[in-house]
Amino acid sequence: MDIVGVTTSEKTTLSAKELGIRIVDIDDTDGIDLTIDGADEVDTYLNGIKGGGAALLMEKIVAKNSKENVWIVDESKVHNILGSFPLPVEVVPFGSGRLYREFALKGLNPRYRVDNLGRRIVTDAQHYIIDLVLDVINNPYELAQYLESRVGVVEHGLFLGIANRVIVGNDDGIEVLERRTANQKL
C-alpha cells in the first residue's frame, strides 16, 4: 500500500521524510482521505483548540480539505467547555500591536507567544501568535466569528465541527468519542 502524506509544518515534513513517507504539497493532490492529528483541548461536542505547536493555519487548511478528521488525545485534554488551553490566534506582524490592544480591551487576556529568549514566535507562514488566556469559552462560535472579522487575524485555533471522532487514551485503555449535535448557542 502506497501512503502519501500532506503535512502541516516544516518540522513534520522533515520527520515524515526521515521515516520514508512520501510527502506532497496539498495543491498537488486530488484530495485528502484522512487526517490524524492531536489537539490541545477538546470539548464533549468534539470542538477543539489546536495550534499549541504554532501550525494552526496549515492544520486547519488540511483539516478542512480532508474527508475525515480523527484526533488522538489523552484524557487530560477533554473538558466539558473549552478554554483551559490558551487560544492561539495567528496574526500578521504589521498592526499586531493594535490587535493585541483590542483583544486586551475586550478582556481576552492576550499574550504574544515567545521563545525561551523572549523573542516572538514566527510561524512557518511568517506570522505571529497571540494566545488568548480565557479559562472558559462559553460560546466558541461567537468568539470564532469575532476573530474572523478582525483585519490582521489570519486564523484562530478554534476547530469547530471539524473532528469526526476523537480517540482518548486513559488509564483503562482508549475511548472513542463520536461527533454529536451541539446544544450550545450559535
N, C-alpha and C. Protein backbone atom coordinates (compact mmCIF):
# COMPACT_ATOMS: atom_id res chain seq x y z
N MET A 1 0.85 -1.18 0.00
CA MET A 1 0.00 0.00 0.00
C MET A 1 0.89 1.24 0.00
N ASP A 2 0.63 2.14 -0.93
CA ASP A 2 1.41 3.37 -1.04
C ASP A 2 0.70 4.48 -0.27
N ILE A 3 1.33 4.94 0.81
CA ILE A 3 0.77 6.03 1.61
C ILE A 3 1.47 7.31 1.21
N VAL A 4 0.67 8.31 0.90
CA VAL A 4 1.18 9.62 0.54
C VAL A 4 0.64 10.59 1.57
N GLY A 5 1.49 11.46 2.07
CA GLY A 5 1.08 12.38 3.11
C GLY A 5 1.15 13.83 2.71
N VAL A 6 0.36 14.63 3.41
CA VAL A 6 0.41 16.09 3.35
C VAL A 6 0.66 16.52 4.78
N THR A 7 1.67 17.33 5.01
CA THR A 7 1.98 17.74 6.39
C THR A 7 1.57 19.18 6.63
N THR A 8 1.61 19.55 7.90
CA THR A 8 1.15 20.87 8.30
C THR A 8 2.25 21.77 8.84
N SER A 9 3.49 21.29 8.77
CA SER A 9 4.61 22.13 9.21
C SER A 9 5.90 21.62 8.59
N GLU A 10 6.88 22.49 8.56
CA GLU A 10 8.19 22.10 8.03
C GLU A 10 8.81 21.00 8.91
N LYS A 11 8.63 21.11 10.21
CA LYS A 11 9.18 20.13 11.14
C LYS A 11 8.57 18.74 10.89
N THR A 12 7.26 18.68 10.69
CA THR A 12 6.60 17.40 10.43
C THR A 12 7.02 16.83 9.08
N THR A 13 7.21 17.69 8.10
CA THR A 13 7.68 17.24 6.78
C THR A 13 9.03 16.55 6.90
N LEU A 14 9.95 17.15 7.65
CA LEU A 14 11.27 16.55 7.84
C LEU A 14 11.16 15.20 8.55
N SER A 15 10.34 15.13 9.59
CA SER A 15 10.17 13.87 10.33
C SER A 15 9.59 12.78 9.43
N ALA A 16 8.58 13.12 8.64
CA ALA A 16 7.96 12.13 7.75
C ALA A 16 8.94 11.62 6.71
N LYS A 17 9.71 12.51 6.14
CA LYS A 17 10.69 12.10 5.14
C LYS A 17 11.76 11.18 5.74
N GLU A 18 12.16 11.46 6.99
CA GLU A 18 13.12 10.59 7.67
C GLU A 18 12.57 9.18 7.85
N LEU A 19 11.24 9.06 7.96
CA LEU A 19 10.60 7.77 8.12
C LEU A 19 10.26 7.11 6.77
N GLY A 20 10.62 7.78 5.68
CA GLY A 20 10.37 7.22 4.35
C GLY A 20 8.96 7.43 3.84
N ILE A 21 8.21 8.33 4.43
CA ILE A 21 6.86 8.64 3.98
C ILE A 21 6.94 9.68 2.88
N ARG A 22 6.31 9.39 1.76
CA ARG A 22 6.29 10.32 0.63
C ARG A 22 5.35 11.48 0.95
N ILE A 23 5.85 12.69 0.84
CA ILE A 23 5.09 13.90 1.15
C ILE A 23 4.86 14.69 -0.13
N VAL A 24 3.62 15.16 -0.30
CA VAL A 24 3.29 16.01 -1.44
C VAL A 24 2.69 17.31 -0.94
N ASP A 25 2.74 18.33 -1.75
CA ASP A 25 2.12 19.61 -1.46
C ASP A 25 0.60 19.43 -1.54
N ILE A 26 -0.13 20.10 -0.68
CA ILE A 26 -1.59 19.97 -0.68
C ILE A 26 -2.19 20.35 -2.04
N ASP A 27 -1.55 21.27 -2.75
CA ASP A 27 -2.06 21.69 -4.05
C ASP A 27 -1.80 20.67 -5.15
N ASP A 28 -0.98 19.67 -4.86
CA ASP A 28 -0.65 18.64 -5.85
C ASP A 28 -1.39 17.34 -5.62
N THR A 29 -2.42 17.36 -4.79
CA THR A 29 -3.21 16.16 -4.53
C THR A 29 -4.67 16.41 -4.88
N ASP A 30 -5.35 15.35 -5.28
CA ASP A 30 -6.77 15.46 -5.62
C ASP A 30 -7.66 15.52 -4.38
N GLY A 31 -7.15 15.09 -3.25
CA GLY A 31 -7.94 15.10 -2.03
C GLY A 31 -7.19 14.42 -0.91
N ILE A 32 -7.68 14.62 0.28
CA ILE A 32 -7.10 14.02 1.47
C ILE A 32 -8.16 13.12 2.08
N ASP A 33 -7.87 11.83 2.17
CA ASP A 33 -8.84 10.88 2.71
C ASP A 33 -8.99 10.99 4.22
N LEU A 34 -7.87 11.11 4.91
CA LEU A 34 -7.90 11.04 6.37
C LEU A 34 -6.81 11.93 6.95
N THR A 35 -7.19 12.70 7.95
CA THR A 35 -6.21 13.46 8.74
C THR A 35 -6.24 12.91 10.15
N ILE A 36 -5.09 12.54 10.64
CA ILE A 36 -4.94 12.10 12.02
C ILE A 36 -4.01 13.09 12.68
N ASP A 37 -4.47 13.66 13.78
CA ASP A 37 -3.71 14.72 14.44
C ASP A 37 -4.02 14.70 15.92
N GLY A 38 -3.34 15.50 16.66
CA GLY A 38 -3.64 15.70 18.06
C GLY A 38 -4.46 16.96 18.22
N ALA A 39 -4.78 17.28 19.44
CA ALA A 39 -5.47 18.53 19.76
C ALA A 39 -4.98 18.96 21.14
N ASP A 40 -5.00 20.24 21.38
CA ASP A 40 -4.57 20.77 22.66
C ASP A 40 -5.68 20.70 23.70
N GLU A 41 -6.93 20.77 23.22
CA GLU A 41 -8.09 20.65 24.09
C GLU A 41 -9.29 20.27 23.23
N VAL A 42 -10.18 19.46 23.81
CA VAL A 42 -11.38 19.01 23.10
C VAL A 42 -12.56 19.09 24.07
N ASP A 43 -13.71 19.56 23.57
CA ASP A 43 -14.90 19.50 24.42
C ASP A 43 -15.72 18.26 24.05
N THR A 44 -16.80 18.05 24.76
CA THR A 44 -17.59 16.83 24.57
C THR A 44 -18.39 16.85 23.27
N TYR A 45 -18.39 17.98 22.56
CA TYR A 45 -19.03 18.07 21.24
C TYR A 45 -18.01 17.90 20.12
N LEU A 46 -16.77 17.58 20.47
CA LEU A 46 -15.65 17.41 19.56
C LEU A 46 -15.19 18.71 18.92
N ASN A 47 -15.52 19.84 19.53
CA ASN A 47 -14.89 21.09 19.15
C ASN A 47 -13.53 21.09 19.82
N GLY A 48 -12.56 21.77 19.21
CA GLY A 48 -11.24 21.73 19.78
C GLY A 48 -10.49 23.03 19.68
N ILE A 49 -9.42 23.08 20.45
CA ILE A 49 -8.41 24.13 20.33
C ILE A 49 -7.14 23.45 19.86
N LYS A 50 -6.58 23.98 18.78
CA LYS A 50 -5.34 23.47 18.22
C LYS A 50 -4.43 24.66 17.96
N GLY A 51 -3.16 24.38 17.80
CA GLY A 51 -2.21 25.44 17.50
C GLY A 51 -1.14 25.62 18.53
N GLY A 52 -1.08 24.71 19.51
CA GLY A 52 -0.03 24.80 20.51
C GLY A 52 1.37 24.69 19.92
N GLY A 53 1.46 24.04 18.77
CA GLY A 53 2.74 23.93 18.07
C GLY A 53 2.93 25.00 17.01
N ALA A 54 2.05 26.00 16.98
CA ALA A 54 2.12 27.16 16.08
C ALA A 54 1.91 26.80 14.61
N ALA A 55 1.18 25.71 14.33
CA ALA A 55 0.91 25.33 12.94
C ALA A 55 -0.58 25.36 12.64
N LEU A 56 -1.35 26.16 13.38
CA LEU A 56 -2.80 26.12 13.27
C LEU A 56 -3.34 26.49 11.89
N LEU A 57 -2.73 27.43 11.19
CA LEU A 57 -3.21 27.80 9.85
C LEU A 57 -3.13 26.61 8.91
N MET A 58 -1.98 25.99 8.85
CA MET A 58 -1.82 24.86 7.94
C MET A 58 -2.62 23.65 8.41
N GLU A 59 -2.73 23.47 9.73
CA GLU A 59 -3.56 22.37 10.25
C GLU A 59 -5.01 22.55 9.83
N LYS A 60 -5.51 23.78 9.87
CA LYS A 60 -6.91 23.99 9.51
C LYS A 60 -7.12 23.83 8.01
N ILE A 61 -6.17 24.28 7.20
CA ILE A 61 -6.28 24.10 5.75
C ILE A 61 -6.36 22.61 5.42
N VAL A 62 -5.49 21.81 6.02
CA VAL A 62 -5.50 20.37 5.76
C VAL A 62 -6.80 19.75 6.28
N ALA A 63 -7.19 20.10 7.49
CA ALA A 63 -8.41 19.52 8.09
C ALA A 63 -9.65 19.83 7.26
N LYS A 64 -9.78 21.08 6.83
CA LYS A 64 -10.96 21.47 6.05
C LYS A 64 -11.00 20.81 4.67
N ASN A 65 -9.86 20.32 4.21
CA ASN A 65 -9.80 19.66 2.91
C ASN A 65 -9.73 18.14 3.03
N SER A 66 -10.00 17.62 4.22
CA SER A 66 -9.97 16.18 4.46
C SER A 66 -11.38 15.61 4.52
N LYS A 67 -11.53 14.40 4.03
CA LYS A 67 -12.83 13.72 4.10
C LYS A 67 -13.17 13.34 5.53
N GLU A 68 -12.15 13.01 6.31
CA GLU A 68 -12.37 12.59 7.69
C GLU A 68 -11.23 13.09 8.56
N ASN A 69 -11.58 13.53 9.79
CA ASN A 69 -10.59 14.02 10.75
C ASN A 69 -10.71 13.24 12.05
N VAL A 70 -9.59 12.68 12.48
CA VAL A 70 -9.52 11.95 13.74
C VAL A 70 -8.44 12.60 14.59
N TRP A 71 -8.79 12.92 15.83
CA TRP A 71 -7.81 13.47 16.76
C TRP A 71 -7.51 12.43 17.82
N ILE A 72 -6.28 12.40 18.27
CA ILE A 72 -5.86 11.50 19.33
C ILE A 72 -5.34 12.35 20.49
N VAL A 73 -5.94 12.16 21.67
CA VAL A 73 -5.57 12.95 22.85
C VAL A 73 -5.55 12.04 24.08
N ASP A 74 -4.99 12.55 25.16
CA ASP A 74 -5.14 11.84 26.43
C ASP A 74 -6.29 12.49 27.20
N GLU A 75 -6.78 11.81 28.21
CA GLU A 75 -7.98 12.24 28.92
C GLU A 75 -7.85 13.63 29.56
N SER A 76 -6.63 14.08 29.83
CA SER A 76 -6.46 15.40 30.45
C SER A 76 -6.85 16.53 29.50
N LYS A 77 -6.99 16.25 28.23
CA LYS A 77 -7.32 17.29 27.24
C LYS A 77 -8.81 17.39 26.93
N VAL A 78 -9.62 16.55 27.54
CA VAL A 78 -11.07 16.55 27.29
C VAL A 78 -11.77 17.27 28.43
N HIS A 79 -12.56 18.30 28.06
CA HIS A 79 -13.29 19.11 29.04
C HIS A 79 -14.71 19.35 28.55
N ASN A 80 -15.61 19.67 29.46
CA ASN A 80 -16.98 19.98 29.06
C ASN A 80 -17.04 21.27 28.26
N ILE A 81 -16.22 22.24 28.63
CA ILE A 81 -16.20 23.55 27.97
C ILE A 81 -14.77 23.88 27.62
N LEU A 82 -14.54 24.41 26.42
CA LEU A 82 -13.21 24.82 26.00
C LEU A 82 -12.73 26.03 26.79
N GLY A 83 -11.43 26.21 26.85
CA GLY A 83 -10.87 27.42 27.43
C GLY A 83 -9.71 27.20 28.38
N SER A 84 -9.51 25.99 28.84
CA SER A 84 -8.40 25.79 29.78
C SER A 84 -7.05 25.88 29.08
N PHE A 85 -7.02 25.62 27.76
CA PHE A 85 -5.79 25.80 26.99
C PHE A 85 -5.87 27.17 26.31
N PRO A 86 -4.81 27.97 26.35
CA PRO A 86 -4.85 29.28 25.68
C PRO A 86 -5.19 29.15 24.20
N LEU A 87 -6.03 30.04 23.71
CA LEU A 87 -6.49 30.01 22.32
C LEU A 87 -5.50 30.74 21.43
N PRO A 88 -4.81 30.03 20.53
CA PRO A 88 -3.88 30.69 19.62
C PRO A 88 -4.63 31.47 18.52
N VAL A 89 -4.12 32.65 18.24
CA VAL A 89 -4.63 33.46 17.13
C VAL A 89 -3.41 33.85 16.30
N GLU A 90 -3.41 33.43 15.03
CA GLU A 90 -2.30 33.75 14.14
C GLU A 90 -2.59 35.09 13.47
N VAL A 91 -1.63 36.01 13.57
CA VAL A 91 -1.84 37.38 13.08
C VAL A 91 -0.65 37.81 12.23
N VAL A 92 -0.91 38.71 11.28
CA VAL A 92 0.20 39.27 10.51
C VAL A 92 0.97 40.22 11.43
N PRO A 93 2.28 40.29 11.29
CA PRO A 93 3.06 41.17 12.16
C PRO A 93 2.64 42.64 12.08
N PHE A 94 2.37 43.14 10.86
CA PHE A 94 2.01 44.54 10.67
C PHE A 94 0.67 44.81 11.35
N GLY A 95 0.66 45.67 12.32
CA GLY A 95 -0.56 46.02 13.04
C GLY A 95 -0.92 45.06 14.16
N SER A 96 -0.04 44.12 14.47
CA SER A 96 -0.36 43.14 15.50
C SER A 96 -0.50 43.79 16.88
N GLY A 97 0.21 44.86 17.11
CA GLY A 97 0.09 45.57 18.38
C GLY A 97 -1.30 46.16 18.57
N ARG A 98 -1.89 46.63 17.49
CA ARG A 98 -3.25 47.18 17.56
C ARG A 98 -4.25 46.07 17.91
N LEU A 99 -4.08 44.90 17.26
CA LEU A 99 -4.95 43.77 17.59
C LEU A 99 -4.77 43.36 19.05
N TYR A 100 -3.53 43.31 19.50
CA TYR A 100 -3.22 42.95 20.87
C TYR A 100 -3.98 43.87 21.84
N ARG A 101 -3.91 45.17 21.59
CA ARG A 101 -4.59 46.12 22.46
C ARG A 101 -6.11 45.96 22.39
N GLU A 102 -6.64 45.69 21.20
CA GLU A 102 -8.09 45.47 21.06
C GLU A 102 -8.51 44.24 21.86
N PHE A 103 -7.73 43.16 21.75
CA PHE A 103 -8.04 41.94 22.49
C PHE A 103 -8.00 42.20 24.00
N ALA A 104 -7.03 43.00 24.44
CA ALA A 104 -6.91 43.32 25.86
C ALA A 104 -8.13 44.11 26.34
N LEU A 105 -8.55 45.11 25.55
CA LEU A 105 -9.73 45.91 25.91
C LEU A 105 -11.00 45.07 25.96
N LYS A 106 -11.05 44.02 25.16
CA LYS A 106 -12.22 43.13 25.13
C LYS A 106 -12.15 42.10 26.25
N GLY A 107 -11.08 42.10 27.05
CA GLY A 107 -10.96 41.17 28.17
C GLY A 107 -10.52 39.77 27.76
N LEU A 108 -9.81 39.66 26.62
CA LEU A 108 -9.39 38.35 26.12
C LEU A 108 -8.01 37.93 26.61
N ASN A 109 -7.38 38.74 27.44
CA ASN A 109 -6.09 38.42 28.06
C ASN A 109 -5.04 37.92 27.06
N PRO A 110 -4.67 38.78 26.10
CA PRO A 110 -3.71 38.36 25.07
C PRO A 110 -2.28 38.26 25.61
N ARG A 111 -1.53 37.34 25.02
CA ARG A 111 -0.10 37.18 25.30
C ARG A 111 0.58 36.81 23.99
N TYR A 112 1.57 37.59 23.58
CA TYR A 112 2.36 37.16 22.42
C TYR A 112 3.05 35.85 22.79
N ARG A 113 3.09 34.91 21.89
CA ARG A 113 3.85 33.69 22.14
C ARG A 113 5.31 33.99 21.85
N VAL A 114 6.14 33.68 22.81
CA VAL A 114 7.57 33.97 22.69
C VAL A 114 8.38 32.71 22.96
N ASP A 115 9.62 32.72 22.49
CA ASP A 115 10.53 31.60 22.75
C ASP A 115 11.21 31.81 24.10
N ASN A 116 12.12 30.93 24.45
CA ASN A 116 12.77 31.00 25.76
C ASN A 116 13.71 32.20 25.91
N LEU A 117 13.95 32.92 24.82
CA LEU A 117 14.76 34.15 24.89
C LEU A 117 13.88 35.41 24.85
N GLY A 118 12.56 35.21 24.85
CA GLY A 118 11.64 36.34 24.85
C GLY A 118 11.33 36.89 23.47
N ARG A 119 11.79 36.22 22.42
CA ARG A 119 11.51 36.67 21.05
C ARG A 119 10.16 36.11 20.60
N ARG A 120 9.42 36.91 19.86
CA ARG A 120 8.12 36.45 19.36
C ARG A 120 8.29 35.26 18.42
N ILE A 121 7.47 34.24 18.63
CA ILE A 121 7.46 33.07 17.76
C ILE A 121 6.95 33.50 16.39
N VAL A 122 7.59 33.02 15.34
CA VAL A 122 7.15 33.29 13.96
C VAL A 122 6.77 31.94 13.35
N THR A 123 5.56 31.85 12.81
CA THR A 123 5.07 30.61 12.22
C THR A 123 5.77 30.33 10.90
N ASP A 124 5.55 29.13 10.35
CA ASP A 124 6.11 28.80 9.04
C ASP A 124 5.64 29.77 7.96
N ALA A 125 4.46 30.36 8.16
CA ALA A 125 3.91 31.33 7.21
C ALA A 125 4.34 32.77 7.54
N GLN A 126 5.26 32.92 8.50
CA GLN A 126 5.85 34.22 8.88
C GLN A 126 4.87 35.15 9.61
N HIS A 127 3.99 34.56 10.42
CA HIS A 127 3.05 35.33 11.24
C HIS A 127 3.40 35.18 12.71
N TYR A 128 2.80 36.05 13.54
CA TYR A 128 2.93 35.95 14.99
C TYR A 128 1.75 35.14 15.54
N ILE A 129 1.91 34.66 16.76
CA ILE A 129 0.83 34.02 17.50
C ILE A 129 0.54 34.88 18.73
N ILE A 130 -0.73 35.24 18.88
CA ILE A 130 -1.20 35.87 20.11
C ILE A 130 -2.09 34.83 20.78
N ASP A 131 -1.70 34.39 21.97
CA ASP A 131 -2.51 33.44 22.74
C ASP A 131 -3.50 34.22 23.60
N LEU A 132 -4.76 33.80 23.57
CA LEU A 132 -5.80 34.40 24.41
C LEU A 132 -6.00 33.48 25.61
N VAL A 133 -5.76 34.01 26.80
CA VAL A 133 -5.87 33.22 28.03
C VAL A 133 -7.26 33.48 28.60
N LEU A 134 -8.17 32.52 28.38
CA LEU A 134 -9.58 32.75 28.64
C LEU A 134 -10.18 31.94 29.78
N ASP A 135 -9.62 30.83 30.13
CA ASP A 135 -10.14 29.91 31.15
C ASP A 135 -11.42 29.20 30.71
N VAL A 136 -12.41 29.95 30.21
CA VAL A 136 -13.67 29.37 29.75
C VAL A 136 -14.11 30.08 28.48
N ILE A 137 -14.50 29.30 27.47
CA ILE A 137 -15.07 29.87 26.25
C ILE A 137 -16.52 29.39 26.20
N ASN A 138 -17.43 30.24 26.69
CA ASN A 138 -18.84 29.85 26.77
C ASN A 138 -19.49 29.73 25.40
N ASN A 139 -19.07 30.54 24.45
CA ASN A 139 -19.67 30.48 23.12
C ASN A 139 -18.56 30.50 22.07
N PRO A 140 -18.00 29.33 21.75
CA PRO A 140 -16.89 29.29 20.80
C PRO A 140 -17.26 29.77 19.40
N TYR A 141 -18.50 29.56 18.99
CA TYR A 141 -18.91 30.01 17.65
C TYR A 141 -18.93 31.53 17.56
N GLU A 142 -19.41 32.18 18.60
CA GLU A 142 -19.43 33.65 18.63
C GLU A 142 -18.02 34.21 18.64
N LEU A 143 -17.14 33.60 19.45
CA LEU A 143 -15.76 34.05 19.51
C LEU A 143 -15.06 33.85 18.17
N ALA A 144 -15.30 32.72 17.54
CA ALA A 144 -14.71 32.46 16.22
C ALA A 144 -15.14 33.52 15.22
N GLN A 145 -16.42 33.85 15.22
CA GLN A 145 -16.94 34.86 14.30
C GLN A 145 -16.30 36.22 14.56
N TYR A 146 -16.15 36.58 15.84
CA TYR A 146 -15.50 37.84 16.19
C TYR A 146 -14.06 37.87 15.66
N LEU A 147 -13.30 36.81 15.92
CA LEU A 147 -11.90 36.77 15.49
C LEU A 147 -11.78 36.81 13.97
N GLU A 148 -12.64 36.09 13.28
CA GLU A 148 -12.60 36.07 11.82
C GLU A 148 -12.92 37.43 11.21
N SER A 149 -13.59 38.29 11.95
CA SER A 149 -13.96 39.61 11.43
C SER A 149 -12.88 40.66 11.66
N ARG A 150 -11.80 40.33 12.36
CA ARG A 150 -10.74 41.28 12.67
C ARG A 150 -9.72 41.31 11.55
N VAL A 151 -9.46 42.48 11.01
CA VAL A 151 -8.43 42.64 9.99
C VAL A 151 -7.07 42.39 10.64
N GLY A 152 -6.29 41.54 10.02
CA GLY A 152 -4.97 41.19 10.54
C GLY A 152 -4.94 39.81 11.17
N VAL A 153 -6.11 39.28 11.53
CA VAL A 153 -6.18 37.90 12.02
C VAL A 153 -6.15 36.99 10.80
N VAL A 154 -5.18 36.10 10.76
CA VAL A 154 -5.07 35.15 9.66
C VAL A 154 -5.93 33.93 9.94
N GLU A 155 -5.84 33.42 11.18
CA GLU A 155 -6.61 32.24 11.57
C GLU A 155 -6.61 32.14 13.08
N HIS A 156 -7.54 31.37 13.62
CA HIS A 156 -7.60 31.13 15.06
C HIS A 156 -7.60 29.63 15.31
N GLY A 157 -7.32 29.25 16.53
CA GLY A 157 -7.19 27.84 16.89
C GLY A 157 -8.46 27.15 17.30
N LEU A 158 -9.63 27.78 17.11
CA LEU A 158 -10.89 27.09 17.36
C LEU A 158 -11.21 26.21 16.15
N PHE A 159 -11.24 24.92 16.36
CA PHE A 159 -11.59 23.96 15.32
C PHE A 159 -12.97 23.44 15.67
N LEU A 160 -13.99 24.05 15.07
CA LEU A 160 -15.38 23.79 15.44
C LEU A 160 -16.06 22.93 14.39
N GLY A 161 -16.62 21.82 14.82
CA GLY A 161 -17.34 20.92 13.91
C GLY A 161 -16.44 20.26 12.88
N ILE A 162 -15.18 20.09 13.17
CA ILE A 162 -14.23 19.54 12.20
C ILE A 162 -13.92 18.07 12.47
N ALA A 163 -13.72 17.71 13.74
CA ALA A 163 -13.36 16.32 14.07
C ALA A 163 -14.56 15.39 13.89
N ASN A 164 -14.33 14.26 13.23
CA ASN A 164 -15.35 13.24 13.12
C ASN A 164 -15.36 12.33 14.34
N ARG A 165 -14.16 12.11 14.88
CA ARG A 165 -14.04 11.31 16.10
C ARG A 165 -12.75 11.69 16.81
N VAL A 166 -12.77 11.43 18.12
CA VAL A 166 -11.61 11.67 18.95
C VAL A 166 -11.31 10.39 19.71
N ILE A 167 -10.07 9.96 19.62
CA ILE A 167 -9.62 8.78 20.36
C ILE A 167 -8.93 9.29 21.61
N VAL A 168 -9.46 8.87 22.76
CA VAL A 168 -8.97 9.37 24.05
C VAL A 168 -8.28 8.23 24.79
N GLY A 169 -7.02 8.46 25.10
CA GLY A 169 -6.28 7.49 25.91
C GLY A 169 -6.46 7.79 27.38
N ASN A 170 -6.70 6.74 28.17
CA ASN A 170 -6.82 6.90 29.62
C ASN A 170 -6.21 5.68 30.31
N ASP A 171 -6.25 5.66 31.61
CA ASP A 171 -5.63 4.56 32.36
C ASP A 171 -6.25 3.21 32.04
N ASP A 172 -7.50 3.18 31.59
CA ASP A 172 -8.19 1.92 31.29
C ASP A 172 -8.06 1.49 29.83
N GLY A 173 -7.39 2.28 29.01
CA GLY A 173 -7.26 1.95 27.58
C GLY A 173 -7.62 3.14 26.73
N ILE A 174 -8.56 2.91 25.81
CA ILE A 174 -8.99 4.02 24.94
C ILE A 174 -10.51 4.11 24.91
N GLU A 175 -10.96 5.31 24.62
CA GLU A 175 -12.38 5.59 24.43
C GLU A 175 -12.48 6.36 23.12
N VAL A 176 -13.49 6.04 22.33
CA VAL A 176 -13.69 6.74 21.07
C VAL A 176 -14.94 7.61 21.20
N LEU A 177 -14.75 8.90 21.00
CA LEU A 177 -15.87 9.85 21.02
C LEU A 177 -16.28 10.14 19.59
N GLU A 178 -17.57 10.07 19.33
CA GLU A 178 -18.11 10.37 18.00
C GLU A 178 -18.79 11.74 18.06
N ARG A 179 -18.83 12.43 16.93
CA ARG A 179 -19.46 13.75 16.87
C ARG A 179 -20.94 13.64 17.23
N ARG A 180 -21.42 14.61 18.02
CA ARG A 180 -22.83 14.71 18.36
C ARG A 180 -23.28 16.13 18.12
N THR A 181 -24.56 16.38 18.19
CA THR A 181 -25.09 17.71 17.94
C THR A 181 -24.89 18.59 19.14
N ALA A 182 -24.43 19.80 18.90
CA ALA A 182 -24.20 20.76 19.98
C ALA A 182 -25.49 21.43 20.36
N ASN A 183 -25.70 21.60 21.66
CA ASN A 183 -26.84 22.36 22.16
C ASN A 183 -26.43 23.77 22.54
N GLN A 184 -25.18 24.10 22.26
CA GLN A 184 -24.68 25.43 22.59
C GLN A 184 -25.27 26.47 21.65
N LYS A 185 -25.37 27.69 22.16
CA LYS A 185 -25.87 28.79 21.31
C LYS A 185 -24.92 28.99 20.14
N LEU A 186 -25.49 29.23 19.00
CA LEU A 186 -24.68 29.58 17.84
C LEU A 186 -24.66 31.08 17.73
